[in-house]
Amino acid sequence: MRFMNIALSIVLLATCAAAQSSRQTVGTVRGVVFTVDVSTAHAVVRDAQISLDGPTHLEAKSDGEGRFAFNPVPSGSYEVTAQVPEWQHSKA
């Protein structure tokens, strides 16, 4: 299936699992994929393919409310990208 890149706003919430040790090496990356139109209205994007690239590569799909999560995620610096299925892009 062909995916089209579109401008997406991704709200990321990087949170760490509760731990009592300062040596924690894993955490969680969660977010919501949505678009913003010229009137600044938000529309969630379901079934977006999310990639997390850094010390490790992880993939997920956004759910019906545009949410996604990666857990556990090793500590480090990551880049997050999202691609929207063509069928959803053509509905807009």
PDB file of N, CA and C in Angstrom:
ATOM      1  N   MET A   1       0.835  -1.169   0.000  1.00  0.00           N
ATOM      2  CA  MET A   1       0.000   0.000   0.000  1.00  0.00           C
ATOM      3  C   MET A   1       0.888   1.243   0.000  1.00  0.00           C
ATOM      4  N   ARG A   2       0.576   2.156  -0.851  1.00  0.00           N
ATOM      5  CA  ARG A   2       1.384   3.362  -0.981  1.00  0.00           C
ATOM      6  C   ARG A   2       0.981   4.367   0.095  1.00  0.00           C
ATOM      7  N   PHE A   3       1.966   4.932   0.740  1.00  0.00           N
ATOM      8  CA  PHE A   3       1.719   5.925   1.768  1.00  0.00           C
ATOM      9  C   PHE A   3       2.145   7.293   1.258  1.00  0.00           C
ATOM     10  N   MET A   4       1.427   8.304   1.639  1.00  0.00           N
ATOM     11  CA  MET A   4       1.800   9.666   1.272  1.00  0.00           C
ATOM     12  C   MET A   4       2.253  10.389   2.530  1.00  0.00           C
ATOM     13  N   ASN A   5       3.313  11.135   2.386  1.00  0.00           N
ATOM     14  CA  ASN A   5       3.738  11.982   3.486  1.00  0.00           C
ATOM     15  C   ASN A   5       2.907  13.247   3.475  1.00  0.00           C
ATOM     16  N   ILE A   6       2.385  13.631   4.586  1.00  0.00           N
ATOM     17  CA  ILE A   6       1.712  14.913   4.705  1.00  0.00           C
ATOM     18  C   ILE A   6       2.212  15.583   5.965  1.00  0.00           C
ATOM     19  N   ALA A   7       1.992  16.865   6.022  1.00  0.00           N
ATOM     20  CA  ALA A   7       2.432  17.599   7.209  1.00  0.00           C
ATOM     21  C   ALA A   7       1.560  17.178   8.374  1.00  0.00           C
ATOM     22  N   LEU A   8       2.172  16.658   9.386  1.00  0.00           N
ATOM     23  CA  LEU A   8       1.454  16.216  10.566  1.00  0.00           C
ATOM     24  C   LEU A   8       2.026  16.892  11.793  1.00  0.00           C
ATOM     25  N   SER A   9       1.173  17.177  12.692  1.00  0.00           N
ATOM     26  CA  SER A   9       1.611  17.633  13.998  1.00  0.00           C
ATOM     27  C   SER A   9       1.538  16.435  14.921  1.00  0.00           C
ATOM     28  N   ILE A  10       2.628  16.120  15.530  1.00  0.00           N
ATOM     29  CA  ILE A  10       2.665  14.975  16.434  1.00  0.00           C
ATOM     30  C   ILE A  10       2.975  15.489  17.825  1.00  0.00           C
ATOM     31  N   VAL A  11       2.074  15.231  18.696  1.00  0.00           N
ATOM     32  CA  VAL A  11       2.277  15.610  20.079  1.00  0.00           C
ATOM     33  C   VAL A  11       2.883  14.406  20.782  1.00  0.00           C
ATOM     34  N   LEU A  12       4.054  14.591  21.271  1.00  0.00           N
ATOM     35  CA  LEU A  12       4.746  13.488  21.930  1.00  0.00           C
ATOM     36  C   LEU A  12       4.859  13.743  23.421  1.00  0.00           C
ATOM     37  N   LEU A  13       4.568  12.742  24.126  1.00  0.00           N
ATOM     38  CA  LEU A  13       4.743  12.792  25.559  1.00  0.00           C
ATOM     39  C   LEU A  13       5.743  11.712  25.923  1.00  0.00           C
ATOM     40  N   ALA A  14       6.931  12.126  26.250  1.00  0.00           N
ATOM     41  CA  ALA A  14       7.938  11.148  26.636  1.00  0.00           C
ATOM     42  C   ALA A  14       7.871  11.002  28.152  1.00  0.00           C
ATOM     43  N   THR A  15       7.561   9.831  28.570  1.00  0.00           N
ATOM     44  CA  THR A  15       7.466   9.589  29.998  1.00  0.00           C
ATOM     45  C   THR A  15       8.339   8.406  30.370  1.00  0.00           C
ATOM     46  N   CYS A  16       8.779   8.417  31.547  1.00  0.00           N
ATOM     47  CA  CYS A  16       9.603   7.317  32.048  1.00  0.00           C
ATOM     48  C   CYS A  16       8.778   6.491  33.017  1.00  0.00           C
ATOM     49  N   ALA A  17       8.998   5.209  32.980  1.00  0.00           N
ATOM     50  CA  ALA A  17       8.327   4.331  33.930  1.00  0.00           C
ATOM     51  C   ALA A  17       8.801   4.669  35.330  1.00  0.00           C
ATOM     52  N   ALA A  18       7.905   4.552  36.270  1.00  0.00           N
ATOM     53  CA  ALA A  18       8.265   4.872  37.646  1.00  0.00           C
ATOM     54  C   ALA A  18       9.364   3.928  38.124  1.00  0.00           C
ATOM     55  N   ALA A  19      10.376   4.503  38.672  1.00  0.00           N
ATOM     56  CA  ALA A  19      11.494   3.695  39.161  1.00  0.00           C
ATOM     57  C   ALA A  19      12.116   4.381  40.357  1.00  0.00           C
ATOM     58  N   GLN A  20      12.695   3.624  41.215  1.00  0.00           N
ATOM     59  CA  GLN A  20      13.343   4.176  42.382  1.00  0.00           C
ATOM     60  C   GLN A  20      14.834   4.359  42.145  1.00  0.00           C
ATOM     61  N   SER A  21      15.324   3.876  41.046  1.00  0.00           N
ATOM     62  CA  SER A  21      16.747   3.948  40.756  1.00  0.00           C
ATOM     63  C   SER A  21      17.027   5.029  39.729  1.00  0.00           C
ATOM     64  N   SER A  22      18.141   5.737  39.884  1.00  0.00           N
ATOM     65  CA  SER A  22      18.528   6.748  38.903  1.00  0.00           C
ATOM     66  C   SER A  22      19.199   6.098  37.695  1.00  0.00           C
ATOM     67  N   ARG A  23      19.346   4.787  37.691  1.00  0.00           N
ATOM     68  CA  ARG A  23      19.983   4.055  36.594  1.00  0.00           C
ATOM     69  C   ARG A  23      18.980   3.553  35.563  1.00  0.00           C
ATOM     70  N   GLN A  24      17.809   4.125  35.532  1.00  0.00           N
ATOM     71  CA  GLN A  24      16.766   3.686  34.615  1.00  0.00           C
ATOM     72  C   GLN A  24      17.243   3.821  33.179  1.00  0.00           C
ATOM     73  N   THR A  25      16.995   2.795  32.365  1.00  0.00           N
ATOM     74  CA  THR A  25      17.474   2.802  30.981  1.00  0.00           C
ATOM     75  C   THR A  25      16.357   2.614  29.961  1.00  0.00           C
ATOM     76  N   VAL A  26      15.106   2.539  30.399  1.00  0.00           N
ATOM     77  CA  VAL A  26      13.990   2.408  29.470  1.00  0.00           C
ATOM     78  C   VAL A  26      12.875   3.369  29.857  1.00  0.00           C
ATOM     79  N   GLY A  27      12.019   3.660  28.900  1.00  0.00           N
ATOM     80  CA  GLY A  27      10.889   4.546  29.140  1.00  0.00           C
ATOM     81  C   GLY A  27       9.792   4.260  28.134  1.00  0.00           C
ATOM     82  N   THR A  28       8.885   5.206  27.993  1.00  0.00           N
ATOM     83  CA  THR A  28       7.742   5.092  27.094  1.00  0.00           C
ATOM     84  C   THR A  28       7.656   6.339  26.234  1.00  0.00           C
ATOM     85  N   VAL A  29       7.294   6.169  24.972  1.00  0.00           N
ATOM     86  CA  VAL A  29       7.007   7.295  24.087  1.00  0.00           C
ATOM     87  C   VAL A  29       5.558   7.139  23.651  1.00  0.00           C
ATOM     88  N   ARG A  30       4.740   8.158  23.938  1.00  0.00           N
ATOM     89  CA  ARG A  30       3.329   8.142  23.562  1.00  0.00           C
ATOM     90  C   ARG A  30       3.000   9.431  22.840  1.00  0.00           C
ATOM     91  N   GLY A  31       1.999   9.391  21.990  1.00  0.00           N
ATOM     92  CA  GLY A  31       1.607  10.607  21.297  1.00  0.00           C
ATOM     93  C   GLY A  31       0.292  10.459  20.574  1.00  0.00           C
ATOM     94  N   VAL A  32      -0.097  11.540  19.910  1.00  0.00           N
ATOM     95  CA  VAL A  32      -1.317  11.596  19.112  1.00  0.00           C
ATOM     96  C   VAL A  32      -0.947  12.194  17.763  1.00  0.00           C
ATOM     97  N   VAL A  33      -1.391  11.564  16.690  1.00  0.00           N
ATOM     98  CA  VAL A  33      -1.143  12.067  15.340  1.00  0.00           C
ATOM     99  C   VAL A  33      -2.395  12.822  14.900  1.00  0.00           C
ATOM    100  N   PHE A  34      -2.205  14.075  14.474  1.00  0.00           N
ATOM    101  CA  PHE A  34      -3.338  14.857  13.998  1.00  0.00           C
ATOM    102  C   PHE A  34      -2.885  15.866  12.957  1.00  0.00           C
ATOM    103  N   THR A  35      -3.830  16.330  12.162  1.00  0.00           N
ATOM    104  CA  THR A  35      -3.565  17.381  11.192  1.00  0.00           C
ATOM    105  C   THR A  35      -4.215  18.659  11.695  1.00  0.00           C
ATOM    106  N   VAL A  36      -3.728  19.778  11.192  1.00  0.00           N
ATOM    107  CA  VAL A  36      -4.284  21.080  11.535  1.00  0.00           C
ATOM    108  C   VAL A  36      -4.590  21.788  10.221  1.00  0.00           C
ATOM    109  N   ASP A  37      -5.862  22.199  10.038  1.00  0.00           N
ATOM    110  CA  ASP A  37      -6.202  22.893   8.797  1.00  0.00           C
ATOM    111  C   ASP A  37      -6.005  24.398   8.959  1.00  0.00           C
ATOM    112  N   VAL A  38      -6.318  25.165   7.924  1.00  0.00           N
ATOM    113  CA  VAL A  38      -6.070  26.612   7.938  1.00  0.00           C
ATOM    114  C   VAL A  38      -6.869  27.331   9.015  1.00  0.00           C
ATOM    115  N   SER A  39      -7.977  26.753   9.455  1.00  0.00           N
ATOM    116  CA  SER A  39      -8.768  27.369  10.530  1.00  0.00           C
ATOM    117  C   SER A  39      -8.294  26.899  11.903  1.00  0.00           C
ATOM    118  N   THR A  40      -7.178  26.188  11.941  1.00  0.00           N
ATOM    119  CA  THR A  40      -6.551  25.613  13.143  1.00  0.00           C
ATOM    120  C   THR A  40      -7.377  24.498  13.789  1.00  0.00           C
ATOM    121  N   ALA A  41      -8.325  23.934  13.050  1.00  0.00           N
ATOM    122  CA  ALA A  41      -9.080  22.788  13.561  1.00  0.00           C
ATOM    123  C   ALA A  41      -8.201  21.540  13.480  1.00  0.00           C
ATOM    124  N   HIS A  42      -8.280  20.702  14.509  1.00  0.00           N
ATOM    125  CA  HIS A  42      -7.513  19.464  14.564  1.00  0.00           C
ATOM    126  C   HIS A  42      -8.364  18.287  14.113  1.00  0.00           C
ATOM    127  N   ALA A  43      -7.748  17.372  13.380  1.00  0.00           N
ATOM    128  CA  ALA A  43      -8.393  16.116  12.990  1.00  0.00           C
ATOM    129  C   ALA A  43      -7.412  14.995  13.262  1.00  0.00           C
ATOM    130  N   VAL A  44      -7.819  14.027  14.090  1.00  0.00           N
ATOM    131  CA  VAL A  44      -6.927  12.915  14.396  1.00  0.00           C
ATOM    132  C   VAL A  44      -6.731  12.056  13.157  1.00  0.00           C
ATOM    133  N   VAL A  45      -5.588  11.383  13.100  1.00  0.00           N
ATOM    134  CA  VAL A  45      -5.246  10.530  11.969  1.00  0.00           C
ATOM    135  C   VAL A  45      -5.152   9.094  12.471  1.00  0.00           C
ATOM    136  N   ARG A  46      -6.092   8.265  12.037  1.00  0.00           N
ATOM    137  CA  ARG A  46      -6.056   6.852  12.431  1.00  0.00           C
ATOM    138  C   ARG A  46      -5.270   6.060  11.390  1.00  0.00           C
ATOM    139  N   ASP A  47      -4.716   4.962  11.809  1.00  0.00           N
ATOM    140  CA  ASP A  47      -3.951   4.054  10.949  1.00  0.00           C
ATOM    141  C   ASP A  47      -2.695   4.673  10.352  1.00  0.00           C
ATOM    142  N   ALA A  48      -2.175   5.732  10.956  1.00  0.00           N
ATOM    143  CA  ALA A  48      -0.902   6.296  10.506  1.00  0.00           C
ATOM    144  C   ALA A  48       0.218   5.338  10.907  1.00  0.00           C
ATOM    145  N   GLN A  49       1.194   5.193  10.046  1.00  0.00           N
ATOM    146  CA  GLN A  49       2.356   4.346  10.340  1.00  0.00           C
ATOM    147  C   GLN A  49       3.387   5.222  11.050  1.00  0.00           C
ATOM    148  N   ILE A  50       3.696   4.895  12.299  1.00  0.00           N
ATOM    149  CA  ILE A  50       4.621   5.669  13.115  1.00  0.00           C
ATOM    150  C   ILE A  50       5.938   4.914  13.213  1.00  0.00           C
ATOM    151  N   SER A  51       7.052   5.614  12.978  1.00  0.00           N
ATOM    152  CA  SER A  51       8.386   5.019  13.126  1.00  0.00           C
ATOM    153  C   SER A  51       9.161   5.791  14.174  1.00  0.00           C
ATOM    154  N   LEU A  52       9.838   5.067  15.019  1.00  0.00           N
ATOM    155  CA  LEU A  52      10.709   5.637  16.042  1.00  0.00           C
ATOM    156  C   LEU A  52      12.114   5.147  15.729  1.00  0.00           C
ATOM    157  N   ASP A  53      13.011   6.071  15.386  1.00  0.00           N
ATOM    158  CA  ASP A  53      14.372   5.703  14.991  1.00  0.00           C
ATOM    159  C   ASP A  53      15.390   6.366  15.886  1.00  0.00           C
ATOM    160  N   GLY A  54      16.310   5.578  16.381  1.00  0.00           N
ATOM    161  CA  GLY A  54      17.387   6.043  17.251  1.00  0.00           C
ATOM    162  C   GLY A  54      18.264   4.858  17.569  1.00  0.00           C
ATOM    163  N   PRO A  55      18.578   4.664  18.848  1.00  0.00           N
ATOM    164  CA  PRO A  55      19.362   3.492  19.229  1.00  0.00           C
ATOM    165  C   PRO A  55      18.680   2.183  18.832  1.00  0.00           C
ATOM    166  N   THR A  56      17.371   2.228  18.647  1.00  0.00           N
ATOM    167  CA  THR A  56      16.613   1.080  18.161  1.00  0.00           C
ATOM    168  C   THR A  56      15.553   1.578  17.186  1.00  0.00           C
ATOM    169  N   HIS A  57      15.000   0.699  16.371  1.00  0.00           N
ATOM    170  CA  HIS A  57      13.932   1.057  15.430  1.00  0.00           C
ATOM    171  C   HIS A  57      12.659   0.353  15.865  1.00  0.00           C
ATOM    172  N   LEU A  58      11.588   1.131  16.064  1.00  0.00           N
ATOM    173  CA  LEU A  58      10.291   0.572  16.440  1.00  0.00           C
ATOM    174  C   LEU A  58       9.228   1.141  15.516  1.00  0.00           C
ATOM    175  N   GLU A  59       8.164   0.372  15.284  1.00  0.00           N
ATOM    176  CA  GLU A  59       7.052   0.824  14.450  1.00  0.00           C
ATOM    177  C   GLU A  59       5.738   0.524  15.142  1.00  0.00           C
ATOM    178  N   ALA A  60       4.747   1.374  14.872  1.00  0.00           N
ATOM    179  CA  ALA A  60       3.397   1.186  15.410  1.00  0.00           C
ATOM    180  C   ALA A  60       2.416   1.875  14.480  1.00  0.00           C
ATOM    181  N   LYS A  61       1.131   1.620  14.706  1.00  0.00           N
ATOM    182  CA  LYS A  61       0.067   2.310  13.976  1.00  0.00           C
ATOM    183  C   LYS A  61      -0.772   3.075  14.987  1.00  0.00           C
ATOM    184  N   SER A  62      -1.261   4.244  14.568  1.00  0.00           N
ATOM    185  CA  SER A  62      -2.140   5.005  15.444  1.00  0.00           C
ATOM    186  C   SER A  62      -3.517   4.330  15.482  1.00  0.00           C
ATOM    187  N   ASP A  63      -4.186   4.456  16.626  1.00  0.00           N
ATOM    188  CA  ASP A  63      -5.501   3.830  16.783  1.00  0.00           C
ATOM    189  C   ASP A  63      -6.601   4.754  16.243  1.00  0.00           C
ATOM    190  N   GLY A  64      -7.836   4.436  16.512  1.00  0.00           N
ATOM    191  CA  GLY A  64      -8.970   5.203  16.026  1.00  0.00           C
ATOM    192  C   GLY A  64      -9.032   6.625  16.544  1.00  0.00           C
ATOM    193  N   GLU A  65      -8.300   6.903  17.617  1.00  0.00           N
ATOM    194  CA  GLU A  65      -8.251   8.254  18.177  1.00  0.00           C
ATOM    195  C   GLU A  65      -6.913   8.923  17.893  1.00  0.00           C
ATOM    196  N   GLY A  66      -6.119   8.332  16.970  1.00  0.00           N
ATOM    197  CA  GLY A  66      -4.830   8.906  16.589  1.00  0.00           C
ATOM    198  C   GLY A  66      -3.712   8.619  17.569  1.00  0.00           C
ATOM    199  N   ARG A  67      -3.973   7.848  18.616  1.00  0.00           N
ATOM    200  CA  ARG A  67      -2.965   7.583  19.653  1.00  0.00           C
ATOM    201  C   ARG A  67      -2.038   6.443  19.262  1.00  0.00           C
ATOM    202  N   PHE A  68      -0.796   6.539  19.772  1.00  0.00           N
ATOM    203  CA  PHE A  68       0.170   5.452  19.605  1.00  0.00           C
ATOM    204  C   PHE A  68       1.069   5.430  20.825  1.00  0.00           C
ATOM    205  N   ALA A  69       1.755   4.297  21.020  1.00  0.00           N
ATOM    206  CA  ALA A  69       2.677   4.176  22.150  1.00  0.00           C
ATOM    207  C   ALA A  69       3.773   3.176  21.808  1.00  0.00           C
ATOM    208  N   PHE A  70       4.960   3.465  22.294  1.00  0.00           N
ATOM    209  CA  PHE A  70       6.093   2.547  22.218  1.00  0.00           C
ATOM    210  C   PHE A  70       6.531   2.287  23.650  1.00  0.00           C
ATOM    211  N   ASN A  71       6.631   1.004  24.018  1.00  0.00           N
ATOM    212  CA  ASN A  71       7.033   0.656  25.373  1.00  0.00           C
ATOM    213  C   ASN A  71       7.535  -0.779  25.384  1.00  0.00           C
ATOM    214  N   PRO A  72       8.686  -1.064  25.907  1.00  0.00           N
ATOM    215  CA  PRO A  72       9.688  -0.159  26.475  1.00  0.00           C
ATOM    216  C   PRO A  72      10.590   0.413  25.379  1.00  0.00           C
ATOM    217  N   VAL A  73      11.127   1.587  25.657  1.00  0.00           N
ATOM    218  CA  VAL A  73      12.039   2.254  24.736  1.00  0.00           C
ATOM    219  C   VAL A  73      13.357   2.493  25.468  1.00  0.00           C
ATOM    220  N   PRO A  74      14.457   1.962  24.935  1.00  0.00           N
ATOM    221  CA  PRO A  74      15.755   2.218  25.559  1.00  0.00           C
ATOM    222  C   PRO A  74      16.072   3.711  25.543  1.00  0.00           C
ATOM    223  N   SER A  75      16.794   4.177  26.535  1.00  0.00           N
ATOM    224  CA  SER A  75      17.129   5.598  26.596  1.00  0.00           C
ATOM    225  C   SER A  75      17.970   5.996  25.389  1.00  0.00           C
ATOM    226  N   GLY A  76      17.869   7.256  24.995  1.00  0.00           N
ATOM    227  CA  GLY A  76      18.619   7.767  23.859  1.00  0.00           C
ATOM    228  C   GLY A  76      17.847   8.848  23.135  1.00  0.00           C
ATOM    229  N   SER A  77      18.407   9.323  22.053  1.00  0.00           N
ATOM    230  CA  SER A  77      17.795  10.354  21.231  1.00  0.00           C
ATOM    231  C   SER A  77      17.093   9.681  20.047  1.00  0.00           C
ATOM    232  N   TYR A  78      15.846  10.072  19.764  1.00  0.00           N
ATOM    233  CA  TYR A  78      15.045   9.432  18.727  1.00  0.00           C
ATOM    234  C   TYR A  78      14.420  10.460  17.791  1.00  0.00           C
ATOM    235  N   GLU A  79      14.109   9.994  16.571  1.00  0.00           N
ATOM    236  CA  GLU A  79      13.344  10.771  15.610  1.00  0.00           C
ATOM    237  C   GLU A  79      12.048  10.023  15.367  1.00  0.00           C
ATOM    238  N   VAL A  80      10.934  10.751  15.390  1.00  0.00           N
ATOM    239  CA  VAL A  80       9.622  10.155  15.164  1.00  0.00           C
ATOM    240  C   VAL A  80       9.090  10.654  13.829  1.00  0.00           C
ATOM    241  N   THR A  81       8.606   9.730  12.991  1.00  0.00           N
ATOM    242  CA  THR A  81       7.983  10.102  11.724  1.00  0.00           C
ATOM    243  C   THR A  81       6.629   9.413  11.617  1.00  0.00           C
ATOM    244  N   ALA A  82       5.730  10.020  10.851  1.00  0.00           N
ATOM    245  CA  ALA A  82       4.402   9.455  10.647  1.00  0.00           C
ATOM    246  C   ALA A  82       4.041   9.547   9.178  1.00  0.00           C
ATOM    247  N   GLN A  83       3.429   8.496   8.671  1.00  0.00           N
ATOM    248  CA  GLN A  83       2.923   8.473   7.299  1.00  0.00           C
ATOM    249  C   GLN A  83       1.455   8.097   7.354  1.00  0.00           C
ATOM    250  N   VAL A  84       0.661   8.783   6.529  1.00  0.00           N
ATOM    251  CA  VAL A  84      -0.772   8.558   6.497  1.00  0.00           C
ATOM    252  C   VAL A  84      -1.132   7.701   5.286  1.00  0.00           C
ATOM    253  N   PRO A  85      -1.997   6.703   5.474  1.00  0.00           N
ATOM    254  CA  PRO A  85      -2.422   5.904   4.314  1.00  0.00           C
ATOM    255  C   PRO A  85      -3.078   6.793   3.255  1.00  0.00           C
ATOM    256  N   GLU A  86      -2.836   6.464   2.004  1.00  0.00           N
ATOM    257  CA  GLU A  86      -3.377   7.269   0.894  1.00  0.00           C
ATOM    258  C   GLU A  86      -4.893   7.372   0.974  1.00  0.00           C
ATOM    259  N   TRP A  87      -5.575   6.280   1.343  1.00  0.00           N
ATOM    260  CA  TRP A  87      -7.037   6.297   1.397  1.00  0.00           C
ATOM    261  C   TRP A  87      -7.530   7.357   2.370  1.00  0.00           C
ATOM    262  N   GLN A  88      -6.817   7.574   3.470  1.00  0.00           N
ATOM    263  CA  GLN A  88      -7.259   8.565   4.455  1.00  0.00           C
ATOM    264  C   GLN A  88      -6.935   9.962   3.960  1.00  0.00           C
ATOM    265  N   HIS A  89      -5.810  10.115   3.297  1.00  0.00           N
ATOM    266  CA  HIS A  89      -5.418  11.426   2.778  1.00  0.00           C
ATOM    267  C   HIS A  89      -6.422  11.903   1.734  1.00  0.00           C
ATOM    268  N   SER A  90      -6.912  11.011   0.915  1.00  0.00           N
ATOM    269  CA  SER A  90      -7.844  11.399  -0.153  1.00  0.00           C
ATOM    270  C   SER A  90      -9.211  11.790   0.396  1.00  0.00           C
ATOM    271  N   LYS A  91      -9.534  11.412   1.647  1.00  0.00           N
ATOM    272  CA  LYS A  91     -10.803  11.801   2.256  1.00  0.00           C
ATOM    273  C   LYS A  91     -10.806  13.258   2.668  1.00  0.00           C
ATOM    274  N   ALA A  92      -9.606  13.823   2.921  1.00  0.00           N
ATOM    275  CA  ALA A  92      -9.512  15.188   3.432  1.00  0.00           C
ATOM    276  C   ALA A  92      -9.867  16.212   2.391  1.00  0.00           C
TER     277      ALA A  92
END
